[in-house]
Each structure stands twice: as C-alpha cells, then as structure tokens.
Amino acid sequence: MNHKLQRNINNLQTLWHAYGASSLGNLLLSHQWPNKIWMSEQARTDTPATLSQLLTLLKLHPQHVLSVWCPEDNKNLTNALPLQPQTQLTAMALSLDEQAQSETETIAVNSTTTSLQRMSSPRQQSDWCTLCSAGFGYQVSVRAITNACRHHNAELLALTDHSIPVATALVLRTGKTLGIHQVAVPPEHRGKGYAKTLMQHIVWQAAQQSVNLLVLQASDMGRSLYQSMGFESLATINHYSL
C-alpha cells in the first residue's frame, strides 16, 4: 500500500472509530451507522479463522457491510465467501503543495456570498445531520456525529450562502493529513456549484495550516469534481454484504 493510500485509510479508520466501534481481534465493527465491518492490517484473509469470523459477523449484523481496499484481500474474500457487491468508493488524495496557491486565488473570487460555518453546538449538530441526510438520501446518525465531534481534531462544517446552510462536510485531521468526509448537497441546492465552493473553502483553510495531504473517498457522483480539483485516484474501496 503506497503512503498516500495508507494515510487515506488511516484517516478513514480513525473516523469510524470516533463514530463508535469495537475491536474483535483483527476485525472491527461499527456500533451503529455507518454500519461498517473492516479488518486491521494484521488480519489474514487467507486463514479459515478470519473467514469464519467475518461470515459470523455478517450474519449477526445483516445491516452492516464489509469494507475492503486491498486487492489481495478482495480476491481472497470473494473467492471464499458468498459476498454480494454493494457500493464502491474511490480513495483519492491531493498534495497541497501542488494545488494550494491556485485554490487560494479561486476562493478570493468566489467567496463574496459564501462562507464556512463550524457547527459545534448540539442544535447545530442536529441541523447538520438533517442537511447531510437530505444530501445523501439516508439517515445520518446524530449520535455517531456527536461522538465524532468529541475527537479533538474533528470539525463539522456547513457551507452557507447568504447565511443559509446549503452543503455539509466533516473534516478530520490525523497528523499532517486532513480527511474530508460527508460532503453533501441536498437536491434543492444542487446545480449551483456549492460542492466545489465548499471544497475550495476547505482547501484554502487547510493551506493555511501545516496540512500537506487532503484525502477523501469519492462516490461516482463526486469523483469528477474532485478530479477537476487535482485529486488523484489511489484505490477502489469495495463494500460487500451477504
């Protein structure tokens, strides 16, 4: 695994832990949304013990999905277990030293009516979850988000236009890596460039700090936007259920 992908996955796993998760040997299980099962670096997907434990967890937690980002693990698991493919995400990264200056110039043009608002109070966190849920079309857990906000390097952000929240993001810093998660724009606010403006604000702010790598996991809908901003694709993250 290359170092950018390693930093991407480490940031993602830190967030999943912050949401609330349990370690079961070399496997990890979300307590609630986002309903993930994943493997530590020490897990061996070619051993009967790991395969048996994964099968048991997936049967006990049918609402969960197994997340796999290593091609060798992907091959071993799909050959050994009756897994059904679900969603795919693309792990992506942007080195700030390659992009920060141009994004800073762009923000200076586009920031006349928009700004980033930190959503820190319980009421703001609840409102953020409502907006984010509308953007993704599924219910984002207020409890999980509240848990994540207790992490000292996590922030909930809302893009506002004329003081009206129109888009969401959750950012989490791990070392010199900034992970960008839960980027969502509700249907009624789409088609106005808010997702790109939100990302430009985040890139600009990160450039003012000692962050040197931005990471995220993109859906098919968002990948072209991130590519247009200079993010490179690192790997595919596959999700499976029984």
Protein backbone atom coordinates (compact mmCIF):
# COMPACT_ATOMS: atom_id res chain seq x y z
CA MET A 1 0.00 0.00 0.00
CA ASN A 2 1.52 3.35 -1.03
CA HIS A 3 1.93 6.07 1.58
CA LYS A 4 -0.91 8.28 0.29
CA LEU A 5 -3.37 5.39 0.37
CA GLN A 6 -2.11 4.40 3.82
CA ARG A 7 -2.78 7.92 5.10
CA ASN A 8 -6.21 7.92 3.45
CA ILE A 9 -7.22 4.62 5.07
CA ASN A 10 -5.75 5.56 8.46
CA ASN A 11 -7.81 8.75 8.46
CA LEU A 12 -10.97 6.88 7.46
CA GLN A 13 -10.49 4.24 10.16
CA THR A 14 -9.86 6.96 12.76
CA LEU A 15 -13.21 8.48 11.84
CA TRP A 16 -15.00 5.14 12.03
CA HIS A 17 -13.51 4.60 15.48
CA ALA A 18 -14.65 8.09 16.50
CA TYR A 19 -18.20 7.30 15.40
CA GLY A 20 -18.13 4.30 17.73
CA ALA A 21 -16.66 0.86 17.02
CA SER A 22 -15.47 -2.31 18.74
CA SER A 23 -12.34 -4.35 18.07
CA LEU A 24 -12.96 -8.07 17.76
CA GLY A 25 -9.47 -9.48 17.41
CA ASN A 26 -8.27 -8.34 14.00
CA LEU A 27 -11.76 -7.29 12.92
CA LEU A 28 -13.62 -4.09 13.73
CA LEU A 29 -17.34 -3.43 13.93
CA SER A 30 -19.30 -0.18 13.93
CA HIS A 31 -21.69 0.16 16.86
CA GLN A 32 -24.22 1.95 14.62
CA TRP A 33 -24.21 3.97 11.41
CA PRO A 34 -22.14 3.88 9.19
CA ASN A 35 -22.61 0.12 9.74
CA LYS A 36 -19.15 -1.00 8.70
CA ILE A 37 -17.09 -4.12 9.31
CA TRP A 38 -13.42 -3.88 8.43
CA MET A 39 -10.09 -5.59 9.04
CA SER A 40 -6.94 -4.44 10.78
CA GLU A 41 -3.62 -4.62 8.98
CA GLN A 42 -2.86 -7.81 10.90
CA ALA A 43 -5.93 -9.67 9.61
CA ARG A 44 -5.19 -12.57 7.26
CA THR A 45 -7.96 -13.13 4.73
CA ASP A 46 -6.45 -16.46 3.65
CA THR A 47 -7.00 -18.13 7.04
CA PRO A 48 -10.12 -20.15 7.98
CA ALA A 49 -10.38 -18.37 11.35
CA THR A 50 -10.68 -14.91 9.79
CA LEU A 51 -13.10 -16.10 7.13
CA SER A 52 -15.28 -17.82 9.71
CA GLN A 53 -15.35 -14.76 11.96
CA LEU A 54 -16.25 -12.47 9.05
CA LEU A 55 -19.07 -14.76 7.98
CA THR A 56 -20.42 -14.87 11.54
CA LEU A 57 -20.33 -11.07 11.90
CA LEU A 58 -22.07 -10.51 8.59
CA LYS A 59 -24.81 -12.96 9.58
CA LEU A 60 -25.24 -11.36 13.02
CA HIS A 61 -25.27 -7.84 11.58
CA PRO A 62 -27.09 -8.02 8.23
CA GLN A 63 -27.38 -4.21 8.07
CA HIS A 64 -23.57 -3.89 8.05
CA VAL A 65 -21.27 -4.03 5.03
CA LEU A 66 -17.72 -5.30 4.83
CA SER A 67 -15.26 -2.68 3.56
CA VAL A 68 -12.24 -3.92 1.60
CA TRP A 69 -9.50 -1.81 -0.02
CA CYS A 70 -6.66 -4.29 -0.53
CA PRO A 71 -6.85 -6.07 -3.94
CA GLU A 72 -5.43 -9.31 -2.49
CA ASP A 73 -7.99 -9.30 0.33
CA ASN A 74 -10.71 -8.54 -2.18
CA LYS A 75 -9.75 -11.59 -4.24
CA ASN A 76 -9.42 -13.93 -1.24
CA LEU A 77 -12.74 -12.90 0.28
CA THR A 78 -14.83 -13.01 -2.88
CA ASN A 79 -13.42 -16.46 -3.69
CA ALA A 80 -14.05 -17.86 -0.20
CA LEU A 81 -17.31 -16.23 0.96
CA PRO A 82 -20.76 -15.77 -0.65
CA LEU A 83 -20.40 -11.98 -0.75
CA GLN A 84 -22.69 -9.69 -2.69
CA PRO A 85 -21.12 -6.48 -4.05
CA GLN A 86 -22.70 -3.27 -2.84
CA THR A 87 -21.33 0.25 -3.28
CA GLN A 88 -17.85 1.26 -4.41
CA LEU A 89 -15.88 4.35 -3.44
CA THR A 90 -12.63 5.71 -4.84
CA ALA A 91 -9.91 6.63 -2.36
CA MET A 92 -8.41 9.93 -3.53
CA ALA A 93 -5.71 12.36 -2.40
CA LEU A 94 -4.46 15.86 -3.14
CA SER A 95 -1.00 17.11 -2.18
CA LEU A 96 -1.50 20.69 -1.04
CA ASP A 97 1.88 21.86 -2.24
CA GLU A 98 0.66 21.10 -5.77
CA GLN A 99 -2.67 22.91 -5.54
CA ALA A 100 -2.91 25.32 -2.63
CA GLN A 101 -1.93 28.52 -4.46
CA SER A 102 -4.41 28.15 -7.33
CA GLU A 103 -7.26 27.25 -4.98
CA THR A 104 -6.46 30.25 -2.78
CA GLU A 105 -6.77 32.53 -5.79
CA THR A 106 -10.09 30.93 -6.79
CA ILE A 107 -11.55 31.39 -3.32
CA ALA A 108 -10.73 35.07 -3.41
CA VAL A 109 -13.10 35.36 -6.39
CA ASN A 110 -15.92 33.07 -5.21
CA SER A 111 -16.27 33.91 -1.52
CA THR A 112 -18.41 37.08 -1.73
CA THR A 113 -21.62 35.41 -0.52
CA THR A 114 -20.47 32.03 0.78
CA SER A 115 -18.60 31.08 3.92
CA LEU A 116 -17.82 28.09 6.09
CA GLN A 117 -19.63 27.78 9.39
CA ARG A 118 -18.45 25.48 12.17
CA MET A 119 -21.38 23.55 13.61
CA SER A 120 -20.40 22.99 17.23
CA SER A 121 -23.49 23.24 19.42
CA PRO A 122 -25.89 20.29 19.89
CA ARG A 123 -28.59 22.13 17.92
CA GLN A 124 -26.16 22.88 15.09
CA GLN A 125 -25.01 19.26 15.03
CA SER A 126 -28.63 18.10 14.75
CA ASP A 127 -29.30 20.61 11.94
CA TRP A 128 -26.11 19.47 10.19
CA CYS A 129 -27.28 15.84 10.32
CA THR A 130 -30.65 16.82 8.82
CA LEU A 131 -28.94 18.65 5.95
CA CYS A 132 -26.40 15.89 5.37
CA SER A 133 -29.12 13.21 5.45
CA ALA A 134 -31.09 15.11 2.81
CA GLY A 135 -27.98 15.28 0.63
CA PHE A 136 -27.21 11.57 0.81
CA GLY A 137 -30.74 10.21 0.92
CA TYR A 138 -30.15 8.17 4.07
CA GLN A 139 -30.32 8.91 7.77
CA VAL A 140 -27.06 10.13 9.27
CA SER A 141 -26.88 9.23 12.96
CA VAL A 142 -26.87 12.21 15.30
CA ARG A 143 -25.33 10.00 17.98
CA ALA A 144 -22.44 8.93 15.75
CA ILE A 145 -21.80 12.51 14.64
CA THR A 146 -21.87 13.71 18.25
CA ASN A 147 -19.32 11.02 19.10
CA ALA A 148 -17.09 12.10 16.21
CA CYS A 149 -17.23 15.73 17.33
CA ARG A 150 -15.62 14.72 20.61
CA HIS A 151 -12.43 13.94 18.67
CA HIS A 152 -10.18 16.95 19.20
CA ASN A 153 -9.25 17.13 15.50
CA ALA A 154 -12.75 16.73 14.02
CA GLU A 155 -14.99 19.57 12.82
CA LEU A 156 -18.47 19.74 11.34
CA LEU A 157 -18.71 22.34 8.58
CA ALA A 158 -21.61 23.82 6.68
CA LEU A 159 -21.28 25.98 3.60
CA THR A 160 -23.64 28.92 3.86
CA ASP A 161 -24.84 31.20 1.09
CA HIS A 162 -26.32 34.46 2.39
CA SER A 163 -26.21 32.76 5.82
CA ILE A 164 -28.37 29.80 4.65
CA PRO A 165 -26.71 26.33 5.07
CA VAL A 166 -26.54 24.64 1.66
CA ALA A 167 -23.89 21.91 1.95
CA THR A 168 -22.08 19.83 4.57
CA ALA A 169 -18.67 18.36 5.29
CA LEU A 170 -16.92 16.69 8.19
CA VAL A 171 -13.16 17.17 8.36
CA LEU A 172 -10.77 15.15 10.50
CA ARG A 173 -7.08 15.81 10.89
CA THR A 174 -4.64 12.98 11.54
CA GLY A 175 -1.07 14.29 11.66
CA LYS A 176 -0.49 16.33 8.50
CA THR A 177 -3.41 14.64 6.73
CA LEU A 178 -6.85 16.21 6.51
CA GLY A 179 -9.70 13.86 5.68
CA ILE A 180 -12.82 15.32 4.05
CA HIS A 181 -15.97 13.31 4.71
CA GLN A 182 -19.76 13.57 4.33
CA VAL A 183 -19.68 16.15 1.55
CA ALA A 184 -23.36 16.53 0.71
CA VAL A 185 -25.64 18.98 -1.05
CA PRO A 186 -29.43 18.49 -0.71
CA PRO A 187 -31.35 18.23 -4.03
CA GLU A 188 -32.89 21.69 -3.72
CA HIS A 189 -29.44 23.29 -3.62
CA ARG A 190 -27.77 21.32 -6.42
CA GLY A 191 -26.65 22.74 -9.74
CA LYS A 192 -25.27 25.94 -8.18
CA GLY A 193 -21.64 24.90 -7.70
CA TYR A 194 -21.91 24.59 -3.92
CA ALA A 195 -19.96 21.33 -3.68
CA LYS A 196 -16.98 22.85 -5.48
CA THR A 197 -17.20 26.07 -3.48
CA LEU A 198 -17.30 24.04 -0.26
CA MET A 199 -14.21 22.11 -1.34
CA GLN A 200 -12.41 25.32 -2.33
CA HIS A 201 -13.05 26.78 1.11
CA ILE A 202 -11.72 23.63 2.78
CA VAL A 203 -8.61 23.52 0.58
CA TRP A 204 -7.95 27.19 1.23
CA GLN A 205 -8.25 26.78 5.00
CA ALA A 206 -6.09 23.64 5.02
CA ALA A 207 -3.40 25.52 3.10
CA GLN A 208 -3.15 27.96 5.99
CA GLN A 209 -2.30 25.11 8.36
CA SER A 210 0.52 22.57 8.38
CA VAL A 211 -1.53 20.03 6.40
CA ASN A 212 0.21 18.62 3.34
CA LEU A 213 -2.27 15.99 2.13
CA LEU A 214 -6.04 16.04 1.67
CA VAL A 215 -7.80 12.68 1.44
CA LEU A 216 -11.35 11.56 0.75
CA GLN A 217 -13.44 8.66 -0.53
CA ALA A 218 -15.48 9.60 -3.60
CA SER A 219 -18.70 8.21 -5.00
CA ASP A 220 -19.24 8.05 -8.75
CA MET A 221 -21.25 11.29 -8.47
CA GLY A 222 -18.46 13.25 -6.82
CA ARG A 223 -15.36 11.79 -8.43
CA SER A 224 -15.29 14.09 -11.49
CA LEU A 225 -15.44 17.17 -9.26
CA TYR A 226 -12.50 16.01 -7.17
CA GLN A 227 -10.51 15.08 -10.28
CA SER A 228 -11.11 18.58 -11.67
CA MET A 229 -9.56 19.98 -8.48
CA GLY A 230 -6.44 17.85 -8.83
CA PHE A 231 -7.25 14.86 -6.64
CA GLU A 232 -5.70 11.60 -7.80
CA SER A 233 -7.34 8.18 -7.57
CA LEU A 234 -5.50 5.74 -5.30
CA ALA A 235 -7.64 2.62 -4.97
CA THR A 236 -11.16 1.26 -5.03
CA ILE A 237 -12.91 0.60 -1.73
CA ASN A 238 -15.42 -2.22 -2.17
CA HIS A 239 -18.36 -2.88 0.14
CA TYR A 240 -19.97 -6.31 0.47
CA SER A 241 -22.90 -7.91 2.24
CA LEU A 242 -24.15 -11.49 2.32
